[in-house]
Amino acid sequence: MSFSPDAVLRDVRDHLAQELYLTAGEIAETDHLDELPRADSVRLLRVVSRLERDYDLEFDDEQIRDAETVADLVALVLAAHEAATR
C-alpha cells in the first residue's frame, strides 16, 4: 500500500464516496467532512475505521475528532504511518 499523499488522498476520497453515495470527483481535498452530503458521525467513523484497517493503523480518538476536512484525514493517515514506522 502506498503512503504518498496523492495515493492516500485518492483512498480517502474513494472511501468517503462509497460511504456517502457520491463520486470521488465530488469530493475536494478542502471539503469539510460535516458538510459533505449525507455525512453524519456514524458514516464518518466507518470511513475512519476502513482507513485504519486498510492501512493497518490506529488513530488517536482526539485526532479523529480534530479532523475537519478531507485534507485533515489524509494528514492523519500520513502522520499515523510515520509514527508507526519510527
C-alpha atoms as a PDB file:
ATOM      1  CA  MET A   1       0.000   0.000   0.000  1.00  0.00           C
ATOM      2  CA  SER A   2       1.349   3.403  -0.981  1.00  0.00           C
ATOM      3  CA  PHE A   3       1.688   6.147   1.584  1.00  0.00           C
ATOM      4  CA  SER A   4       2.247   9.016  -0.833  1.00  0.00           C
ATOM      5  CA  PRO A   5      -0.031  11.982  -0.149  1.00  0.00           C
ATOM      6  CA  ASP A   6      -1.694  11.586  -3.555  1.00  0.00           C
ATOM      7  CA  ALA A   7      -2.391   7.874  -3.024  1.00  0.00           C
ATOM      8  CA  VAL A   8      -3.788   8.455   0.464  1.00  0.00           C
ATOM      9  CA  LEU A   9      -5.970  11.305  -0.820  1.00  0.00           C
ATOM     10  CA  ARG A  10      -7.313   9.005  -3.530  1.00  0.00           C
ATOM     11  CA  ASP A  11      -8.121   6.321  -0.927  1.00  0.00           C
ATOM     12  CA  VAL A  12      -9.776   8.782   1.461  1.00  0.00           C
ATOM     13  CA  ARG A  13     -11.907  10.206  -1.349  1.00  0.00           C
ATOM     14  CA  ASP A  14     -12.832   6.695  -2.535  1.00  0.00           C
ATOM     15  CA  HIS A  15     -13.901   5.608   0.961  1.00  0.00           C
ATOM     16  CA  LEU A  16     -15.905   8.787   1.521  1.00  0.00           C
ATOM     17  CA  ALA A  17     -17.540   8.438  -1.877  1.00  0.00           C
ATOM     18  CA  GLN A  18     -18.530   4.844  -1.201  1.00  0.00           C
ATOM     19  CA  GLU A  19     -19.938   5.592   2.244  1.00  0.00           C
ATOM     20  CA  LEU A  20     -21.760   8.784   1.221  1.00  0.00           C
ATOM     21  CA  TYR A  21     -23.024   7.579  -2.172  1.00  0.00           C
ATOM     22  CA  LEU A  22     -21.011  10.178  -4.083  1.00  0.00           C
ATOM     23  CA  THR A  23     -18.357  10.004  -6.753  1.00  0.00           C
ATOM     24  CA  ALA A  24     -14.766  10.670  -5.749  1.00  0.00           C
ATOM     25  CA  GLY A  25     -14.822  13.622  -8.138  1.00  0.00           C
ATOM     26  CA  GLU A  26     -17.489  15.279  -5.996  1.00  0.00           C
ATOM     27  CA  ILE A  27     -15.139  15.367  -3.005  1.00  0.00           C
ATOM     28  CA  ALA A  28     -12.429  18.021  -2.794  1.00  0.00           C
ATOM     29  CA  GLU A  29      -9.432  17.985  -0.506  1.00  0.00           C
ATOM     30  CA  THR A  30     -10.672  21.211   1.094  1.00  0.00           C
ATOM     31  CA  ASP A  31     -14.213  19.951   1.763  1.00  0.00           C
ATOM     32  CA  HIS A  32     -15.355  19.983   5.366  1.00  0.00           C
ATOM     33  CA  LEU A  33     -16.351  16.473   6.384  1.00  0.00           C
ATOM     34  CA  ASP A  34     -19.517  17.512   8.203  1.00  0.00           C
ATOM     35  CA  GLU A  35     -20.692  19.476   5.151  1.00  0.00           C
ATOM     36  CA  LEU A  36     -20.490  16.579   2.706  1.00  0.00           C
ATOM     37  CA  PRO A  37     -23.895  15.322   1.531  1.00  0.00           C
ATOM     38  CA  ARG A  38     -25.302  12.554   3.772  1.00  0.00           C
ATOM     39  CA  ALA A  39     -22.335  12.833   6.165  1.00  0.00           C
ATOM     40  CA  ASP A  40     -23.017  12.047   9.796  1.00  0.00           C
ATOM     41  CA  SER A  41     -20.862  10.858  12.660  1.00  0.00           C
ATOM     42  CA  VAL A  42     -21.611   7.166  12.086  1.00  0.00           C
ATOM     43  CA  ARG A  43     -20.747   7.257   8.396  1.00  0.00           C
ATOM     44  CA  LEU A  44     -17.586   9.256   9.000  1.00  0.00           C
ATOM     45  CA  LEU A  45     -16.488   6.827  11.717  1.00  0.00           C
ATOM     46  CA  ARG A  46     -16.990   3.973   9.251  1.00  0.00           C
ATOM     47  CA  VAL A  47     -14.644   5.733   6.846  1.00  0.00           C
ATOM     48  CA  VAL A  48     -12.055   6.192   9.597  1.00  0.00           C
ATOM     49  CA  SER A  49     -12.407   2.531  10.573  1.00  0.00           C
ATOM     50  CA  ARG A  50     -11.827   1.437   6.972  1.00  0.00           C
ATOM     51  CA  LEU A  51      -8.748   3.630   6.732  1.00  0.00           C
ATOM     52  CA  GLU A  52      -7.371   2.129   9.943  1.00  0.00           C
ATOM     53  CA  ARG A  53      -7.999  -1.379   8.640  1.00  0.00           C
ATOM     54  CA  ASP A  54      -6.694  -0.760   5.117  1.00  0.00           C
ATOM     55  CA  TYR A  55      -3.503   0.902   6.317  1.00  0.00           C
ATOM     56  CA  ASP A  56      -3.102  -1.260   9.449  1.00  0.00           C
ATOM     57  CA  LEU A  57      -3.004   1.839  11.645  1.00  0.00           C
ATOM     58  CA  GLU A  58      -4.737   3.059  14.770  1.00  0.00           C
ATOM     59  CA  PHE A  59      -5.683   6.697  15.126  1.00  0.00           C
ATOM     60  CA  ASP A  60      -5.884   8.621  18.371  1.00  0.00           C
ATOM     61  CA  ASP A  61      -9.502   9.487  19.252  1.00  0.00           C
ATOM     62  CA  GLU A  62      -8.641  13.157  19.766  1.00  0.00           C
ATOM     63  CA  GLN A  63      -7.004  13.368  16.346  1.00  0.00           C
ATOM     64  CA  ILE A  64     -10.102  11.852  14.766  1.00  0.00           C
ATOM     65  CA  ARG A  65     -12.313  14.438  16.458  1.00  0.00           C
ATOM     66  CA  ASP A  66      -9.992  17.231  15.288  1.00  0.00           C
ATOM     67  CA  ALA A  67     -10.170  16.195  11.616  1.00  0.00           C
ATOM     68  CA  GLU A  68     -12.416  18.739   9.933  1.00  0.00           C
ATOM     69  CA  THR A  69     -11.538  18.399   6.245  1.00  0.00           C
ATOM     70  CA  VAL A  70     -10.655  15.711   3.754  1.00  0.00           C
ATOM     71  CA  ALA A  71      -7.068  17.027   3.878  1.00  0.00           C
ATOM     72  CA  ASP A  72      -7.087  16.544   7.672  1.00  0.00           C
ATOM     73  CA  LEU A  73      -7.962  12.852   7.207  1.00  0.00           C
ATOM     74  CA  VAL A  74      -5.112  12.474   4.722  1.00  0.00           C
ATOM     75  CA  ALA A  75      -2.726  14.125   7.175  1.00  0.00           C
ATOM     76  CA  LEU A  76      -3.999  11.817   9.927  1.00  0.00           C
ATOM     77  CA  VAL A  77      -3.156   8.712   7.873  1.00  0.00           C
ATOM     78  CA  LEU A  78       0.279  10.038   6.918  1.00  0.00           C
ATOM     79  CA  ALA A  79       1.138  11.068  10.498  1.00  0.00           C
ATOM     80  CA  ALA A  80      -0.011   7.727  11.945  1.00  0.00           C
ATOM     81  CA  HIS A  81       2.048   5.868   9.368  1.00  0.00           C
ATOM     82  CA  GLU A  82       5.110   7.950  10.145  1.00  0.00           C
ATOM     83  CA  ALA A  83       4.669   7.369  13.883  1.00  0.00           C
ATOM     84  CA  ALA A  84       4.199   3.607  13.344  1.00  0.00           C
ATOM     85  CA  THR A  85       7.396   3.287  11.324  1.00  0.00           C
ATOM     86  CA  ARG A  86       9.664   5.060  13.812  1.00  0.00           C
END
